[in-house]
C-alpha atoms as a PDB file:
ATOM      1  CA  MET A   1     -25.068  22.525 151.522  1.00  0.00           C
ATOM      2  CA  SER A   2     -28.208  24.153 152.458  1.00  0.00           C
ATOM      3  CA  ALA A   3     -29.190  27.697 151.501  1.00  0.00           C
ATOM      4  CA  LYS A   4     -28.899  30.509 153.911  1.00  0.00           C
ATOM      5  CA  LEU A   5     -32.272  31.600 155.110  1.00  0.00           C
ATOM      6  CA  ILE A   6     -33.180  35.237 154.721  1.00  0.00           C
ATOM      7  CA  ASP A   7     -34.948  36.190 157.833  1.00  0.00           C
ATOM      8  CA  GLY A   8     -37.889  38.404 156.778  1.00  0.00           C
ATOM      9  CA  LYS A   9     -39.252  38.471 160.366  1.00  0.00           C
ATOM     10  CA  LYS A  10     -36.113  40.073 161.779  1.00  0.00           C
ATOM     11  CA  ILE A  11     -35.890  42.630 159.014  1.00  0.00           C
ATOM     12  CA  ALA A  12     -39.565  43.482 159.399  1.00  0.00           C
ATOM     13  CA  GLU A  13     -38.857  44.065 163.102  1.00  0.00           C
ATOM     14  CA  GLU A  14     -36.061  46.528 162.107  1.00  0.00           C
ATOM     15  CA  ILE A  15     -38.431  48.391 160.137  1.00  0.00           C
ATOM     16  CA  GLU A  16     -41.197  48.498 162.798  1.00  0.00           C
ATOM     17  CA  SER A  17     -38.614  49.918 165.235  1.00  0.00           C
ATOM     18  CA  GLU A  18     -37.784  52.706 162.666  1.00  0.00           C
ATOM     19  CA  LEU A  19     -41.431  53.383 162.254  1.00  0.00           C
ATOM     20  CA  LYS A  20     -41.952  53.780 166.008  1.00  0.00           C
ATOM     21  CA  VAL A  21     -39.491  56.476 166.222  1.00  0.00           C
ATOM     22  CA  LYS A  22     -41.181  58.310 163.318  1.00  0.00           C
ATOM     23  CA  ILE A  23     -44.527  57.981 164.942  1.00  0.00           C
ATOM     24  CA  SER A  24     -43.190  59.175 168.412  1.00  0.00           C
ATOM     25  CA  LYS A  25     -42.106  62.554 166.620  1.00  0.00           C
ATOM     26  CA  MET A  26     -45.597  63.091 165.027  1.00  0.00           C
ATOM     27  CA  ASP A  27     -48.351  65.300 166.412  1.00  0.00           C
ATOM     28  CA  ASN A  28     -51.228  62.873 165.580  1.00  0.00           C
ATOM     29  CA  VAL A  29     -51.396  59.147 165.637  1.00  0.00           C
ATOM     30  CA  PRO A  30     -51.602  57.525 162.157  1.00  0.00           C
ATOM     31  CA  LYS A  31     -55.139  56.210 161.462  1.00  0.00           C
ATOM     32  CA  LEU A  32     -55.849  53.065 159.404  1.00  0.00           C
ATOM     33  CA  SER A  33     -59.200  51.450 158.655  1.00  0.00           C
ATOM     34  CA  VAL A  34     -59.458  47.928 157.527  1.00  0.00           C
ATOM     35  CA  VAL A  35     -62.778  47.016 155.868  1.00  0.00           C
ATOM     36  CA  GLN A  36     -63.784  43.338 155.849  1.00  0.00           C
ATOM     37  CA  VAL A  37     -66.927  42.018 154.079  1.00  0.00           C
ATOM     38  CA  GLY A  38     -67.950  38.471 155.154  1.00  0.00           C
ATOM     39  CA  ASP A  39     -66.092  35.982 157.133  1.00  0.00           C
ATOM     40  CA  ASP A  40     -63.271  34.577 154.863  1.00  0.00           C
ATOM     41  CA  PRO A  41     -60.862  32.710 157.364  1.00  0.00           C
ATOM     42  CA  ALA A  42     -57.721  33.795 155.562  1.00  0.00           C
ATOM     43  CA  SER A  43     -58.949  37.414 155.466  1.00  0.00           C
ATOM     44  CA  THR A  44     -59.476  37.359 159.234  1.00  0.00           C
ATOM     45  CA  SER A  45     -56.017  35.833 159.797  1.00  0.00           C
ATOM     46  CA  TYR A  46     -54.408  38.552 157.547  1.00  0.00           C
ATOM     47  CA  ILE A  47     -56.292  41.333 159.415  1.00  0.00           C
ATOM     48  CA  ARG A  48     -55.131  39.947 162.766  1.00  0.00           C
ATOM     49  CA  ALA A  49     -51.540  40.190 161.553  1.00  0.00           C
ATOM     50  CA  LYS A  50     -52.085  43.768 160.423  1.00  0.00           C
ATOM     51  CA  SER A  51     -53.781  44.655 163.800  1.00  0.00           C
ATOM     52  CA  ASN A  52     -50.862  43.243 165.910  1.00  0.00           C
ATOM     53  CA  ALA A  53     -48.301  45.122 163.783  1.00  0.00           C
ATOM     54  CA  ALA A  54     -50.307  48.344 164.149  1.00  0.00           C
ATOM     55  CA  ASN A  55     -50.490  47.826 167.963  1.00  0.00           C
ATOM     56  CA  ARG A  56     -46.687  47.367 167.951  1.00  0.00           C
ATOM     57  CA  VAL A  57     -45.691  50.514 166.127  1.00  0.00           C
ATOM     58  CA  GLY A  58     -48.430  52.855 167.528  1.00  0.00           C
ATOM     59  CA  ILE A  59     -50.963  53.135 164.435  1.00  0.00           C
ATOM     60  CA  ASP A  60     -54.606  53.385 165.419  1.00  0.00           C
ATOM     61  CA  LEU A  61     -56.353  50.577 163.496  1.00  0.00           C
ATOM     62  CA  THR A  62     -60.109  50.299 163.137  1.00  0.00           C
ATOM     63  CA  HIS A  63     -61.571  47.104 161.786  1.00  0.00           C
ATOM     64  CA  HIS A  64     -64.872  47.461 160.126  1.00  0.00           C
ATOM     65  CA  HIS A  65     -66.341  44.087 160.011  1.00  0.00           C
ATOM     66  CA  LEU A  66     -69.399  44.050 157.645  1.00  0.00           C
ATOM     67  CA  SER A  67     -71.979  41.445 156.772  1.00  0.00           C
ATOM     68  CA  ALA A  68     -71.455  39.606 153.431  1.00  0.00           C
ATOM     69  CA  ASP A  69     -74.891  40.830 152.375  1.00  0.00           C
ATOM     70  CA  ILE A  70     -74.049  44.516 152.573  1.00  0.00           C
ATOM     71  CA  SER A  71     -75.262  46.508 149.648  1.00  0.00           C
ATOM     72  CA  LYS A  72     -72.906  48.177 147.159  1.00  0.00           C
ATOM     73  CA  SER A  73     -74.179  51.737 148.042  1.00  0.00           C
ATOM     74  CA  GLU A  74     -73.592  51.100 151.873  1.00  0.00           C
ATOM     75  CA  LEU A  75     -70.069  50.056 151.330  1.00  0.00           C
ATOM     76  CA  GLU A  76     -69.373  52.939 149.013  1.00  0.00           C
ATOM     77  CA  LYS A  77     -70.953  55.390 151.562  1.00  0.00           C
ATOM     78  CA  LEU A  78     -68.427  53.980 154.255  1.00  0.00           C
ATOM     79  CA  VAL A  79     -65.353  54.280 151.948  1.00  0.00           C
ATOM     80  CA  ILE A  80     -66.274  57.872 151.021  1.00  0.00           C
ATOM     81  CA  LYS A  81     -66.732  58.688 154.748  1.00  0.00           C
ATOM     82  CA  LEU A  82     -63.395  56.968 155.672  1.00  0.00           C
ATOM     83  CA  ASN A  83     -61.513  59.096 153.052  1.00  0.00           C
ATOM     84  CA  LYS A  84     -62.189  62.108 155.135  1.00  0.00           C
ATOM     85  CA  THR A  85     -61.065  60.758 158.446  1.00  0.00           C
ATOM     86  CA  GLU A  86     -58.419  58.157 157.849  1.00  0.00           C
ATOM     87  CA  ASP A  87     -54.783  58.310 156.758  1.00  0.00           C
ATOM     88  CA  GLY A  88     -55.025  54.782 155.206  1.00  0.00           C
ATOM     89  CA  ILE A  89     -57.878  52.593 153.998  1.00  0.00           C
ATOM     90  CA  ILE A  90     -57.761  48.935 153.123  1.00  0.00           C
ATOM     91  CA  ILE A  91     -60.734  46.841 151.729  1.00  0.00           C
ATOM     92  CA  GLN A  92     -59.683  43.255 152.518  1.00  0.00           C
ATOM     93  CA  LEU A  93     -59.891  40.925 149.462  1.00  0.00           C
ATOM     94  CA  PRO A  94     -61.671  38.761 148.341  1.00  0.00           C
ATOM     95  CA  LEU A  95     -64.968  40.767 148.136  1.00  0.00           C
ATOM     96  CA  PRO A  96     -68.383  39.362 147.303  1.00  0.00           C
ATOM     97  CA  ASP A  97     -69.242  39.640 143.567  1.00  0.00           C
ATOM     98  CA  GLY A  98     -70.354  43.104 142.671  1.00  0.00           C
ATOM     99  CA  LEU A  99     -68.660  45.156 145.258  1.00  0.00           C
ATOM    100  CA  GLU A 100     -65.208  45.586 143.651  1.00  0.00           C
ATOM    101  CA  SER A 101     -66.079  49.101 142.400  1.00  0.00           C
ATOM    102  CA  ALA A 102     -65.692  50.318 146.065  1.00  0.00           C
ATOM    103  CA  LEU A 103     -61.912  49.868 145.744  1.00  0.00           C
ATOM    104  CA  ASP A 104     -61.885  52.569 143.009  1.00  0.00           C
ATOM    105  CA  LEU A 105     -63.418  54.983 145.630  1.00  0.00           C
ATOM    106  CA  ILE A 106     -60.403  54.845 147.977  1.00  0.00           C
ATOM    107  CA  GLN A 107     -58.452  58.015 147.322  1.00  0.00           C
ATOM    108  CA  PRO A 108     -55.038  57.244 145.876  1.00  0.00           C
ATOM    109  CA  GLU A 109     -53.290  59.040 148.849  1.00  0.00           C
ATOM    110  CA  ASN A 110     -55.243  56.787 151.290  1.00  0.00           C
ATOM    111  CA  ASP A 111     -54.624  53.679 149.275  1.00  0.00           C
ATOM    112  CA  VAL A 112     -51.980  52.133 151.543  1.00  0.00           C
ATOM    113  CA  ASP A 113     -52.339  48.680 149.771  1.00  0.00           C
ATOM    114  CA  GLY A 114     -50.852  50.464 146.692  1.00  0.00           C
ATOM    115  CA  PHE A 115     -53.489  48.878 144.186  1.00  0.00           C
ATOM    116  CA  HIS A 116     -55.218  52.067 142.926  1.00  0.00           C
ATOM    117  CA  SER A 117     -54.682  52.750 139.139  1.00  0.00           C
ATOM    118  CA  VAL A 118     -53.129  56.050 139.798  1.00  0.00           C
ATOM    119  CA  ASN A 119     -50.553  54.525 142.282  1.00  0.00           C
ATOM    120  CA  LEU A 120     -49.628  51.739 139.808  1.00  0.00           C
ATOM    121  CA  GLY A 121     -49.306  54.421 137.086  1.00  0.00           C
ATOM    122  CA  ASN A 122     -47.036  56.430 139.243  1.00  0.00           C
ATOM    123  CA  ILE A 123     -44.659  53.359 139.358  1.00  0.00           C
ATOM    124  CA  VAL A 124     -44.662  53.209 135.489  1.00  0.00           C
ATOM    125  CA  GLN A 125     -43.988  57.019 135.476  1.00  0.00           C
ATOM    126  CA  GLU A 126     -41.327  56.630 138.228  1.00  0.00           C
ATOM    127  CA  ARG A 127     -43.147  59.143 140.396  1.00  0.00           C
ATOM    128  CA  SER A 128     -43.627  59.088 144.149  1.00  0.00           C
ATOM    129  CA  GLY A 129     -46.709  57.392 145.579  1.00  0.00           C
ATOM    130  CA  MET A 130     -47.943  54.407 147.395  1.00  0.00           C
ATOM    131  CA  LYS A 131     -46.260  51.196 146.291  1.00  0.00           C
ATOM    132  CA  PRO A 132     -47.816  47.694 146.612  1.00  0.00           C
ATOM    133  CA  CYS A 133     -46.597  46.258 149.926  1.00  0.00           C
ATOM    134  CA  THR A 134     -45.378  42.868 148.813  1.00  0.00           C
ATOM    135  CA  PRO A 135     -43.255  44.255 145.945  1.00  0.00           C
ATOM    136  CA  ALA A 136     -42.058  47.002 147.939  1.00  0.00           C
ATOM    137  CA  GLY A 137     -41.300  44.516 150.800  1.00  0.00           C
ATOM    138  CA  ILE A 138     -39.196  42.282 148.440  1.00  0.00           C
ATOM    139  CA  VAL A 139     -37.167  45.210 147.154  1.00  0.00           C
ATOM    140  CA  GLU A 140     -36.509  46.174 150.781  1.00  0.00           C
ATOM    141  CA  LEU A 141     -35.676  42.735 151.821  1.00  0.00           C
ATOM    142  CA  LEU A 142     -33.098  42.332 149.043  1.00  0.00           C
ATOM    143  CA  TYR A 143     -31.301  45.588 149.986  1.00  0.00           C
ATOM    144  CA  ARG A 144     -31.389  44.870 153.793  1.00  0.00           C
ATOM    145  CA  SER A 145     -30.036  41.144 153.186  1.00  0.00           C
ATOM    146  CA  GLY A 146     -27.153  42.496 151.229  1.00  0.00           C
ATOM    147  CA  ASN A 147     -28.480  41.582 147.769  1.00  0.00           C
ATOM    148  CA  ASP A 148     -28.419  44.750 145.874  1.00  0.00           C
ATOM    149  CA  PRO A 149     -30.181  43.968 142.571  1.00  0.00           C
ATOM    150  CA  LYS A 150     -28.288  46.495 140.546  1.00  0.00           C
ATOM    151  CA  GLY A 151     -27.010  44.863 137.421  1.00  0.00           C
ATOM    152  CA  LYS A 152     -28.336  41.450 138.419  1.00  0.00           C
ATOM    153  CA  ASN A 153     -30.500  39.177 136.331  1.00  0.00           C
ATOM    154  CA  VAL A 154     -33.739  38.956 137.979  1.00  0.00           C
ATOM    155  CA  VAL A 155     -36.345  36.429 136.842  1.00  0.00           C
ATOM    156  CA  ILE A 156     -40.080  36.831 138.266  1.00  0.00           C
ATOM    157  CA  VAL A 157     -42.337  33.739 137.968  1.00  0.00           C
ATOM    158  CA  GLY A 158     -45.801  35.124 138.013  1.00  0.00           C
ATOM    159  CA  ARG A 159     -47.341  38.196 136.446  1.00  0.00           C
ATOM    160  CA  SER A 160     -50.204  39.110 138.928  1.00  0.00           C
ATOM    161  CA  LYS A 161     -51.218  42.722 139.326  1.00  0.00           C
ATOM    162  CA  ILE A 162     -50.500  42.376 143.143  1.00  0.00           C
ATOM    163  CA  VAL A 163     -46.938  41.034 142.941  1.00  0.00           C
ATOM    164  CA  GLY A 164     -45.251  40.018 139.623  1.00  0.00           C
ATOM    165  CA  LYS A 165     -46.051  43.117 137.396  1.00  0.00           C
ATOM    166  CA  PRO A 166     -45.484  45.909 139.828  1.00  0.00           C
ATOM    167  CA  LEU A 167     -42.239  44.293 141.172  1.00  0.00           C
ATOM    168  CA  SER A 168     -40.919  44.001 137.655  1.00  0.00           C
ATOM    169  CA  LEU A 169     -41.521  47.724 137.288  1.00  0.00           C
ATOM    170  CA  LEU A 170     -39.972  48.640 140.625  1.00  0.00           C
ATOM    171  CA  LEU A 171     -36.686  46.467 139.919  1.00  0.00           C
ATOM    172  CA  SER A 172     -36.297  47.910 136.492  1.00  0.00           C
ATOM    173  CA  GLN A 173     -36.521  51.615 137.730  1.00  0.00           C
ATOM    174  CA  LYS A 174     -33.544  53.826 137.231  1.00  0.00           C
ATOM    175  CA  GLY A 175     -31.577  53.660 140.522  1.00  0.00           C
ATOM    176  CA  ILE A 176     -32.535  49.962 141.158  1.00  0.00           C
ATOM    177  CA  ASP A 177     -31.236  48.914 137.721  1.00  0.00           C
ATOM    178  CA  ALA A 178     -31.994  45.190 137.677  1.00  0.00           C
ATOM    179  CA  THR A 179     -32.413  43.384 134.236  1.00  0.00           C
ATOM    180  CA  VAL A 180     -35.855  41.858 134.725  1.00  0.00           C
ATOM    181  CA  THR A 181     -37.595  38.868 132.916  1.00  0.00           C
ATOM    182  CA  VAL A 182     -41.093  37.992 133.730  1.00  0.00           C
ATOM    183  CA  CYS A 183     -42.268  34.375 133.213  1.00  0.00           C
ATOM    184  CA  HIS A 184     -45.871  33.102 133.342  1.00  0.00           C
ATOM    185  CA  SER A 185     -48.106  30.177 132.648  1.00  0.00           C
ATOM    186  CA  ARG A 186     -47.647  30.570 128.862  1.00  0.00           C
ATOM    187  CA  THR A 187     -43.946  30.823 128.994  1.00  0.00           C
ATOM    188  CA  PRO A 188     -42.278  27.636 127.299  1.00  0.00           C
ATOM    189  CA  ASP A 189     -39.645  26.064 129.494  1.00  0.00           C
ATOM    190  CA  ILE A 190     -39.744  28.418 132.423  1.00  0.00           C
ATOM    191  CA  GLY A 191     -36.774  26.486 133.761  1.00  0.00           C
ATOM    192  CA  GLU A 192     -34.530  27.682 130.983  1.00  0.00           C
ATOM    193  CA  PHE A 193     -35.096  31.360 132.158  1.00  0.00           C
ATOM    194  CA  CYS A 194     -34.989  30.455 135.932  1.00  0.00           C
ATOM    195  CA  ARG A 195     -31.487  28.891 135.624  1.00  0.00           C
ATOM    196  CA  LYS A 196     -30.081  32.159 134.237  1.00  0.00           C
ATOM    197  CA  ALA A 197     -31.367  34.141 137.316  1.00  0.00           C
ATOM    198  CA  ASP A 198     -29.160  35.674 139.988  1.00  0.00           C
ATOM    199  CA  ILE A 199     -32.303  36.587 141.855  1.00  0.00           C
ATOM    200  CA  LEU A 200     -35.283  34.346 141.396  1.00  0.00           C
ATOM    201  CA  VAL A 201     -38.697  35.467 142.639  1.00  0.00           C
ATOM    202  CA  VAL A 202     -41.498  32.893 142.598  1.00  0.00           C
ATOM    203  CA  ALA A 203     -45.040  34.397 143.048  1.00  0.00           C
ATOM    204  CA  VAL A 204     -47.544  31.948 141.509  1.00  0.00           C
ATOM    205  CA  GLY A 205     -49.581  30.400 144.320  1.00  0.00           C
ATOM    206  CA  TYR A 206     -48.804  26.777 143.553  1.00  0.00           C
ATOM    207  CA  PRO A 207     -46.552  24.481 145.528  1.00  0.00           C
ATOM    208  CA  ASP A 208     -43.579  22.951 143.704  1.00  0.00           C
ATOM    209  CA  THR A 209     -43.751  25.495 140.969  1.00  0.00           C
ATOM    210  CA  VAL A 210     -39.890  25.800 140.903  1.00  0.00           C
ATOM    211  CA  THR A 211     -37.660  22.768 141.734  1.00  0.00           C
ATOM    212  CA  GLY A 212     -34.121  22.528 142.445  1.00  0.00           C
ATOM    213  CA  ALA A 213     -33.189  21.638 138.893  1.00  0.00           C
ATOM    214  CA  MET A 214     -34.538  25.074 137.767  1.00  0.00           C
ATOM    215  CA  VAL A 215     -32.343  27.110 139.990  1.00  0.00           C
ATOM    216  CA  LYS A 216     -28.861  28.437 139.180  1.00  0.00           C
ATOM    217  CA  PRO A 217     -26.464  27.205 141.838  1.00  0.00           C
ATOM    218  CA  GLY A 218     -25.957  29.881 144.519  1.00  0.00           C
ATOM    219  CA  ALA A 219     -28.959  32.127 143.323  1.00  0.00           C
ATOM    220  CA  VAL A 220     -30.869  34.160 145.790  1.00  0.00           C
ATOM    221  CA  VAL A 221     -34.535  32.675 145.700  1.00  0.00           C
ATOM    222  CA  ILE A 222     -37.424  34.820 147.074  1.00  0.00           C
ATOM    223  CA  ASP A 223     -40.465  32.544 147.666  1.00  0.00           C
ATOM    224  CA  VAL A 224     -43.664  34.658 147.801  1.00  0.00           C
ATOM    225  CA  GLY A 225     -46.080  31.768 147.763  1.00  0.00           C
ATOM    226  CA  VAL A 226     -48.417  30.964 150.816  1.00  0.00           C
ATOM    227  CA  ASN A 227     -50.205  27.655 150.194  1.00  0.00           C
ATOM    228  CA  ARG A 228     -52.074  26.030 153.053  1.00  0.00           C
ATOM    229  CA  THR A 229     -51.705  22.336 153.355  1.00  0.00           C
ATOM    230  CA  GLU A 230     -52.438  19.664 156.015  1.00  0.00           C
ATOM    231  CA  ASN A 231     -48.946  20.164 157.057  1.00  0.00           C
ATOM    232  CA  GLY A 232     -49.023  23.872 157.417  1.00  0.00           C
ATOM    233  CA  LEU A 233     -47.995  26.775 155.304  1.00  0.00           C
ATOM    234  CA  ILE A 234     -45.624  26.038 152.280  1.00  0.00           C
ATOM    235  CA  GLY A 235     -44.270  28.320 149.653  1.00  0.00           C
ATOM    236  CA  ASP A 236     -44.169  27.898 145.687  1.00  0.00           C
ATOM    237  CA  THR A 237     -40.715  26.260 145.733  1.00  0.00           C
ATOM    238  CA  ALA A 238     -39.854  22.624 146.157  1.00  0.00           C
ATOM    239  CA  SER A 239     -37.866  21.488 149.219  1.00  0.00           C
ATOM    240  CA  ASP A 240     -34.815  20.596 147.004  1.00  0.00           C
ATOM    241  CA  VAL A 241     -34.349  24.279 146.166  1.00  0.00           C
ATOM    242  CA  ASN A 242     -32.901  24.526 149.552  1.00  0.00           C
ATOM    243  CA  GLU A 243     -29.949  22.307 148.485  1.00  0.00           C
ATOM    244  CA  VAL A 244     -29.132  24.648 145.394  1.00  0.00           C
ATOM    245  CA  ALA A 245     -29.900  28.199 146.282  1.00  0.00           C
ATOM    246  CA  GLY A 246     -27.305  30.412 148.069  1.00  0.00           C
ATOM    247  CA  GLN A 247     -29.951  32.288 149.849  1.00  0.00           C
ATOM    248  CA  LEU A 248     -33.719  31.587 150.406  1.00  0.00           C
ATOM    249  CA  THR A 249     -36.737  33.083 151.991  1.00  0.00           C
ATOM    250  CA  PRO A 250     -38.699  30.744 154.099  1.00  0.00           C
ATOM    251  CA  VAL A 251     -42.369  30.196 154.227  1.00  0.00           C
ATOM    252  CA  PRO A 252     -43.638  31.428 156.671  1.00  0.00           C
ATOM    253  CA  GLY A 253     -41.246  34.067 157.956  1.00  0.00           C
ATOM    254  CA  GLY A 254     -39.792  35.421 154.769  1.00  0.00           C
ATOM    255  CA  VAL A 255     -41.865  37.743 152.462  1.00  0.00           C
ATOM    256  CA  GLY A 256     -45.005  37.827 154.671  1.00  0.00           C
ATOM    257  CA  PRO A 257     -43.709  39.878 157.502  1.00  0.00           C
ATOM    258  CA  MET A 258     -42.186  42.302 155.043  1.00  0.00           C
ATOM    259  CA  THR A 259     -45.555  42.864 153.489  1.00  0.00           C
ATOM    260  CA  VAL A 260     -47.210  43.753 156.707  1.00  0.00           C
ATOM    261  CA  ALA A 261     -44.190  45.978 157.610  1.00  0.00           C
ATOM    262  CA  MET A 262     -44.420  47.890 154.343  1.00  0.00           C
ATOM    263  CA  LEU A 263     -48.174  48.416 154.823  1.00  0.00           C
ATOM    264  CA  MET A 264     -47.367  49.981 158.165  1.00  0.00           C
ATOM    265  CA  SER A 265     -44.833  52.142 156.520  1.00  0.00           C
ATOM    266  CA  ASN A 266     -47.334  53.284 153.831  1.00  0.00           C
ATOM    267  CA  VAL A 267     -49.721  54.284 156.531  1.00  0.00           C
ATOM    268  CA  VAL A 268     -46.990  56.324 158.270  1.00  0.00           C
ATOM    269  CA  ASP A 269     -45.966  58.013 154.971  1.00  0.00           C
ATOM    270  CA  ALA A 270     -49.744  58.934 154.302  1.00  0.00           C
ATOM    271  CA  ALA A 271     -49.999  60.339 157.696  1.00  0.00           C
ATOM    272  CA  LEU A 272     -46.788  62.464 157.498  1.00  0.00           C
ATOM    273  CA  LYS A 273     -48.268  64.115 154.523  1.00  0.00           C
ATOM    274  CA  THR A 274     -51.065  65.489 156.409  1.00  0.00           C
ATOM    275  CA  ASP A 275     -49.413  65.821 159.996  1.00  0.00           C
END
């Protein structure tokens, strides 16, 4: 029996509808600037998705497309300027070597990606603040698909600063109350941990990281991976996971739309604080 697919696209559309209502009641349209350095094709694709979402909900998005040879000082000046005029700022990764310091110049309240050290620290302290979009999207996806993580064994495969680590912190917060295990490349016998998971999150960036034999029958599997192949986009889980899991996010159409929806939500939250 095949797993029930969790429709991230449909849930993201629900969130966008809620955001449109919020924006309609605001005095000023939320403003988001996306800074792209160079011409990375994946970055261009991601920015297009963000731009389309912004148009749908009513956010004013400006795309600053800069040359790959821009100087560090020029990029930093732009970020400092945008801090004064925008509700949200994104510097699209990857950046050319030597320019990463510009990320630290984004004010925490404008950091709608949720990567600033202050915002990550707020998660540890369980304070309010911007939350990284993919982890926040996964938590929202679980609740809205009827999979309350409270009291559940959650195993996260992957410990990145973008997904795995912040997600583990969010899920273990008081009020969410999951029991969280984080596995990584140095974990011996990852399958032993995965088979105990009520909810299994796979966020590594390699196809077939988790196979059906590693999944507890009936588990909820959240596949965060986006891997480009000759046959299109695939996730981090093998195809036979579909035969074992109870519920599964598809790739594409699972976590990806939720990430963009939570980015839009962060922009609206940032704008509401100044509206």
